Protein backbone atom coordinates (compact mmCIF):
# COMPACT_ATOMS: atom_id res chain seq x y z
CA MET A 1 23.22 -198.64 -108.05
CA ALA A 2 21.45 -196.01 -110.17
CA GLN A 3 17.88 -196.41 -111.35
CA THR A 4 17.38 -197.67 -114.88
CA ASN A 5 15.69 -195.86 -117.75
CA ASN A 6 12.24 -197.48 -118.05
CA ASN A 7 12.53 -197.43 -121.85
CA GLN A 8 15.67 -199.59 -121.81
CA GLN A 9 15.76 -203.32 -121.43
CA VAL A 10 17.90 -204.64 -118.59
CA ALA A 11 20.60 -207.25 -119.17
CA LEU A 12 22.49 -209.07 -116.42
CA VAL A 13 25.85 -210.56 -117.42
CA THR A 14 27.77 -212.76 -114.99
CA GLY A 15 31.52 -213.28 -115.12
CA ALA A 16 31.86 -209.79 -116.61
CA SER A 17 35.28 -208.95 -115.18
CA SER A 18 37.20 -210.43 -118.11
CA GLY A 19 37.09 -212.34 -121.37
CA MET A 20 33.77 -213.19 -122.96
CA GLY A 21 31.70 -211.73 -120.14
CA LYS A 22 33.33 -208.33 -120.42
CA GLU A 23 32.92 -208.26 -124.20
CA ILE A 24 29.29 -209.39 -123.95
CA ALA A 25 28.57 -206.60 -121.45
CA ARG A 26 30.31 -204.07 -123.69
CA GLN A 27 28.34 -205.25 -126.74
CA LEU A 28 24.99 -205.09 -124.95
CA LEU A 29 25.79 -201.56 -123.80
CA ASN A 30 26.41 -200.66 -127.42
CA ASP A 31 23.09 -202.28 -128.29
CA GLY A 32 21.28 -199.90 -125.94
CA PHE A 33 20.69 -202.13 -122.93
CA THR A 34 20.96 -201.12 -119.32
CA VAL A 35 23.69 -203.57 -118.34
CA VAL A 36 24.34 -204.97 -114.88
CA ALA A 37 27.84 -206.48 -114.92
CA ALA A 38 28.39 -209.03 -112.16
CA ALA A 39 31.60 -210.68 -111.00
CA ARG A 40 33.66 -211.32 -107.89
CA ARG A 41 36.32 -208.80 -109.00
CA VAL A 42 34.41 -205.52 -109.13
CA ASP A 43 37.59 -203.48 -109.55
CA ARG A 44 38.21 -205.20 -112.88
CA MET A 45 34.93 -203.84 -114.26
CA ALA A 46 35.86 -200.17 -113.89
CA ASP A 47 36.12 -199.81 -117.67
CA LEU A 48 32.55 -201.08 -118.02
CA THR A 49 31.23 -198.64 -115.42
CA GLU A 50 32.90 -195.82 -117.35
CA LEU A 51 30.85 -196.93 -120.36
CA GLY A 52 27.66 -196.85 -118.31
CA ALA A 53 27.35 -200.36 -116.88
CA HIS A 54 26.26 -200.98 -113.30
CA ALA A 55 28.87 -203.18 -111.62
CA ILE A 56 27.84 -205.50 -108.82
CA ALA A 57 29.83 -207.95 -106.70
CA LEU A 58 28.66 -211.53 -107.12
CA ASP A 59 30.18 -214.87 -106.18
CA ILE A 60 27.90 -217.23 -108.05
CA THR A 61 28.70 -220.08 -105.62
CA VAL A 62 27.46 -218.22 -102.53
CA ASP A 63 23.69 -218.42 -102.25
CA GLN A 64 23.38 -215.29 -100.08
CA ASP A 65 25.42 -213.35 -102.65
CA VAL A 66 23.07 -214.50 -105.40
CA GLN A 67 19.94 -213.59 -103.41
CA ASP A 68 21.34 -210.19 -102.42
CA ALA A 69 22.34 -209.42 -106.01
CA VAL A 70 18.88 -210.31 -107.33
CA ASP A 71 17.17 -208.24 -104.61
CA THR A 72 19.35 -205.23 -105.43
CA ILE A 73 18.85 -205.50 -109.18
CA LEU A 74 15.08 -205.88 -108.93
CA LYS A 75 14.88 -203.01 -106.46
CA ASP A 76 16.93 -200.65 -108.63
CA HIS A 77 15.84 -201.75 -112.10
CA GLY A 78 12.53 -203.50 -111.57
CA ARG A 79 13.30 -206.43 -113.83
CA VAL A 80 15.85 -208.38 -115.84
CA ASP A 81 14.93 -208.83 -119.50
CA VAL A 82 18.07 -210.72 -120.53
CA LEU A 83 20.12 -213.00 -118.30
CA VAL A 84 23.52 -214.07 -119.66
CA ASN A 85 24.89 -216.91 -117.53
CA ASN A 86 28.53 -216.59 -118.53
CA ALA A 87 30.49 -217.19 -115.31
CA GLY A 88 32.50 -220.39 -115.45
CA PHE A 89 35.96 -221.93 -115.44
CA GLY A 90 37.75 -225.10 -116.51
CA LEU A 91 38.97 -227.68 -113.99
CA TYR A 92 41.43 -230.13 -115.55
CA GLY A 93 43.27 -233.10 -114.11
CA ALA A 94 42.93 -236.87 -114.15
CA VAL A 95 39.73 -238.13 -112.52
CA GLU A 96 41.87 -240.07 -110.06
CA ASP A 97 43.83 -236.96 -109.08
CA VAL A 98 41.10 -234.32 -108.72
CA ASP A 99 39.87 -233.85 -105.16
CA ILE A 100 36.13 -234.48 -105.04
CA ASP A 101 35.56 -231.13 -103.29
CA ASP A 102 37.24 -229.41 -106.24
CA ALA A 103 34.97 -231.36 -108.58
CA ARG A 104 31.93 -230.20 -106.61
CA TYR A 105 33.14 -226.60 -106.86
CA GLN A 106 33.40 -227.01 -110.64
CA PHE A 107 29.70 -227.86 -110.69
CA GLU A 108 28.86 -225.05 -108.26
CA VAL A 109 30.37 -222.48 -110.65
CA ASN A 110 29.36 -223.97 -113.98
CA LEU A 111 25.90 -225.37 -113.15
CA PHE A 112 24.39 -224.79 -109.74
CA GLY A 113 25.29 -221.10 -109.50
CA PRO A 114 23.67 -220.21 -112.84
CA ALA A 115 20.73 -222.46 -111.99
CA ARG A 116 20.10 -220.65 -108.68
CA LEU A 117 20.37 -217.22 -110.29
CA THR A 118 17.92 -218.31 -112.98
CA GLN A 119 15.47 -219.66 -110.39
CA LEU A 120 15.38 -216.33 -108.59
CA LEU A 121 14.85 -214.28 -111.75
CA LEU A 122 12.21 -216.47 -113.37
CA PRO A 123 9.16 -215.29 -111.37
CA GLN A 124 9.38 -211.73 -112.70
CA MET A 125 10.01 -213.01 -116.24
CA ARG A 126 7.00 -215.32 -116.04
CA GLU A 127 4.81 -212.54 -114.70
CA ARG A 128 5.71 -210.35 -117.68
CA ARG A 129 5.68 -213.35 -120.07
CA SER A 130 8.90 -212.07 -121.54
CA GLY A 131 12.63 -212.68 -121.27
CA LYS A 132 15.70 -214.33 -122.69
CA ILE A 133 18.13 -216.59 -120.85
CA VAL A 134 21.45 -217.09 -122.61
CA ASN A 135 23.60 -219.87 -121.18
CA ILE A 136 27.25 -219.84 -122.25
CA THR A 137 28.22 -223.50 -122.34
CA SER A 138 31.10 -224.57 -124.60
CA MET A 139 31.89 -226.88 -127.47
CA GLY A 140 33.10 -228.84 -124.42
CA GLY A 141 29.45 -229.47 -123.65
CA LYS A 142 29.25 -231.61 -126.78
CA ILE A 143 32.75 -233.10 -127.03
CA TYR A 144 35.38 -234.37 -124.60
CA THR A 145 39.14 -234.16 -124.11
CA PRO A 146 41.62 -236.05 -121.92
CA LEU A 147 41.96 -234.85 -118.31
CA GLY A 148 38.84 -232.69 -118.66
CA ALA A 149 36.27 -235.06 -117.16
CA TRP A 150 34.88 -232.72 -114.52
CA TYR A 151 34.84 -229.67 -116.80
CA HIS A 152 33.13 -231.53 -119.63
CA ALA A 153 30.68 -233.16 -117.22
CA SER A 154 29.63 -229.73 -115.92
CA LYS A 155 29.19 -228.32 -119.44
CA HIS A 156 27.29 -231.39 -120.67
CA ALA A 157 25.06 -230.96 -117.61
CA LEU A 158 24.47 -227.28 -118.39
CA GLU A 159 23.46 -228.21 -121.94
CA GLY A 160 20.92 -230.77 -120.76
CA TRP A 161 19.62 -228.46 -118.04
CA SER A 162 19.17 -225.69 -120.62
CA ASP A 163 17.24 -227.97 -122.98
CA CYS A 164 14.79 -228.95 -120.23
CA LEU A 165 14.45 -225.33 -119.14
CA ARG A 166 13.63 -224.30 -122.72
CA LEU A 167 10.68 -226.71 -122.79
CA GLU A 168 9.40 -225.54 -119.40
CA LEU A 169 9.55 -221.83 -120.26
CA ALA A 170 8.19 -221.93 -123.82
CA PRO A 171 4.57 -221.52 -122.65
CA PHE A 172 5.60 -218.28 -120.89
CA ASP A 173 7.30 -216.82 -124.01
CA ILE A 174 10.72 -216.94 -122.37
CA ASP A 175 13.54 -218.00 -124.70
CA VAL A 176 16.44 -220.18 -123.56
CA VAL A 177 19.50 -219.96 -125.80
CA ILE A 178 22.69 -222.00 -125.63
CA VAL A 179 25.96 -220.49 -126.91
CA GLU A 180 28.80 -222.94 -127.48
CA PRO A 181 32.16 -221.14 -127.77
CA GLY A 182 35.15 -222.83 -129.33
CA MET A 183 38.74 -221.72 -128.76
CA ILE A 184 38.45 -218.13 -127.50
CA GLN A 185 41.14 -215.68 -126.38
CA THR A 186 40.41 -215.60 -122.64
CA GLU A 187 42.09 -216.55 -119.36
CA PHE A 188 40.75 -220.09 -119.77
CA GLY A 189 43.98 -221.67 -121.03
CA SER A 190 46.31 -220.01 -118.53
CA VAL A 191 43.99 -220.74 -115.60
CA LEU A 192 43.69 -224.37 -116.68
CA VAL A 193 47.31 -225.44 -117.23
CA ASP A 194 49.17 -224.81 -113.96
CA PRO A 195 46.56 -226.39 -111.63
CA MET A 196 46.30 -229.36 -113.98
CA LEU A 197 50.06 -229.92 -113.86
CA LYS A 198 50.04 -229.57 -110.09
CA ARG A 199 47.39 -232.29 -109.83
CA SER A 200 48.52 -234.68 -112.56
CA GLY A 201 51.95 -233.52 -113.76
CA SER A 202 53.72 -236.35 -111.99
CA GLY A 203 52.75 -239.95 -111.38
CA PRO A 204 50.89 -242.23 -113.79
CA TYR A 205 49.24 -239.39 -115.75
CA GLY A 206 52.30 -237.12 -115.90
CA GLY A 207 53.16 -237.77 -119.53
CA LEU A 208 49.62 -237.13 -120.71
CA ALA A 209 49.35 -234.00 -118.55
CA GLU A 210 52.49 -232.53 -120.13
CA LYS A 211 51.14 -233.20 -123.62
CA VAL A 212 47.74 -231.67 -122.78
CA ALA A 213 49.48 -228.64 -121.29
CA GLU A 214 51.58 -228.11 -124.41
CA ALA A 215 48.60 -228.57 -126.72
CA THR A 216 46.62 -226.07 -124.65
CA ARG A 217 49.42 -223.50 -124.73
CA ASN A 218 49.73 -223.87 -128.49
CA SER A 219 45.98 -223.52 -128.97
CA TYR A 220 45.83 -220.24 -127.07
CA ARG A 221 48.85 -218.64 -128.68
CA GLU A 222 48.23 -215.77 -131.11
CA GLY A 223 46.22 -216.94 -134.08
CA GLY A 224 45.16 -220.16 -132.38
CA SER A 225 41.90 -218.85 -130.99
CA SER A 226 39.14 -216.40 -131.83
CA PRO A 227 38.65 -213.04 -130.10
CA ALA A 228 35.99 -212.85 -127.38
CA THR A 229 34.12 -210.30 -129.50
CA VAL A 230 33.01 -213.21 -131.72
CA ILE A 231 30.90 -214.57 -128.86
CA ALA A 232 29.69 -211.09 -127.90
CA ARG A 233 28.30 -210.61 -131.40
CA VAL A 234 26.60 -214.01 -131.29
CA VAL A 235 24.91 -213.12 -128.00
CA SER A 236 23.86 -209.77 -129.45
CA ASP A 237 22.29 -211.46 -132.48
CA ALA A 238 20.50 -214.04 -130.33
CA VAL A 239 19.11 -211.42 -127.99
CA ALA A 240 17.91 -209.26 -130.90
CA ALA A 241 16.22 -212.14 -132.73
CA ARG A 242 12.46 -212.40 -132.43
CA ARG A 243 12.82 -216.17 -132.55
CA PRO A 244 16.43 -217.06 -131.70
CA ARG A 245 17.95 -220.43 -132.50
CA THR A 246 18.21 -222.86 -129.61
CA ARG A 247 21.99 -223.18 -130.11
CA TYR A 248 24.81 -221.08 -131.53
CA ALA A 249 28.29 -222.58 -131.98
CA ALA A 250 31.00 -220.00 -132.68
CA GLY A 251 34.73 -219.49 -132.40
CA ARG A 252 37.67 -221.52 -133.66
CA LEU A 253 37.02 -225.26 -133.99
CA ALA A 254 33.54 -225.13 -132.42
CA LYS A 255 31.51 -226.12 -135.47
CA PRO A 256 33.93 -228.68 -136.96
CA LEU A 257 34.53 -230.48 -133.65
CA ILE A 258 30.85 -230.57 -132.74
CA MET A 259 30.08 -231.89 -136.21
CA ALA A 260 32.84 -234.50 -135.92
CA ARG A 261 31.45 -235.68 -132.59
CA LYS A 262 28.00 -235.97 -134.14
CA TRP A 263 29.03 -238.09 -137.10
CA LEU A 264 32.11 -240.05 -135.98
CA SER A 265 31.91 -243.18 -133.88
CA ASP A 266 33.20 -242.98 -130.31
CA ARG A 267 36.41 -244.80 -131.21
CA LEU A 268 37.12 -242.60 -134.22
CA PHE A 269 36.50 -239.46 -132.19
CA ASP A 270 38.78 -240.82 -129.46
CA ARG A 271 41.55 -241.10 -132.04
CA LEU A 272 40.89 -237.61 -133.35
CA VAL A 273 41.10 -236.07 -129.87
CA MET A 274 44.17 -238.03 -128.81
CA SER A 275 45.99 -237.13 -132.04
CA ALA A 276 46.21 -233.57 -130.72
CA VAL A 277 48.21 -234.62 -127.65
CA ARG A 278 50.73 -237.01 -129.18
């Protein structure tokens, strides 16, 4: 990995091989950052390296991978000014049907991996009394949908973890920002549906699984979701702000559904959510 220009701030973006992560990395390059793009699929970041990014292999669930990546980045660049914890995926299926090891893996990717990476990068941020940590959660961290118990649990956990982290790091002038995407044009929908149907497509939850699958397909068809560049611009604005907001909700349905969850009773919100899968 090439040495960084000392005049440029360094941004690390996880899950940069596709979707929001790739667009965030591209946007931060345009903003003048030295960008380290991290993902398991390094070959899928070739377009980012052509733009000037430094691609690095990282499986966020493997602790040695995380430690090695941090050691390499700090050796070659000296610091990380902006950490974007974007890597994540959605595990869907009835609670009864999801293997508990799969549920643990959901938390490893969506919570414990980002938490470990953050732990390892915090000492150099504290020493410099400077830095921004941007955690990509989801509107799913504030709402809930049928068959998404483990996914929503992991995103709710990431929200709460981020809030506590913000309080702990405020005395060191390190910002913690939460970005809550709505429906975004990524691999999320296609990666979600087939495994969900395999787990819960037959048996007592089969009818519900089919309805959730159809609703998901419809949501991610053209026009049903926002481009990933919407989230990239939000991250760019948050990183550039002298005093960023604690939360940014963006993308189709994010703000209205989060607002509905805030103001509707549990039973009314239940009806709203289930109306989409009838």
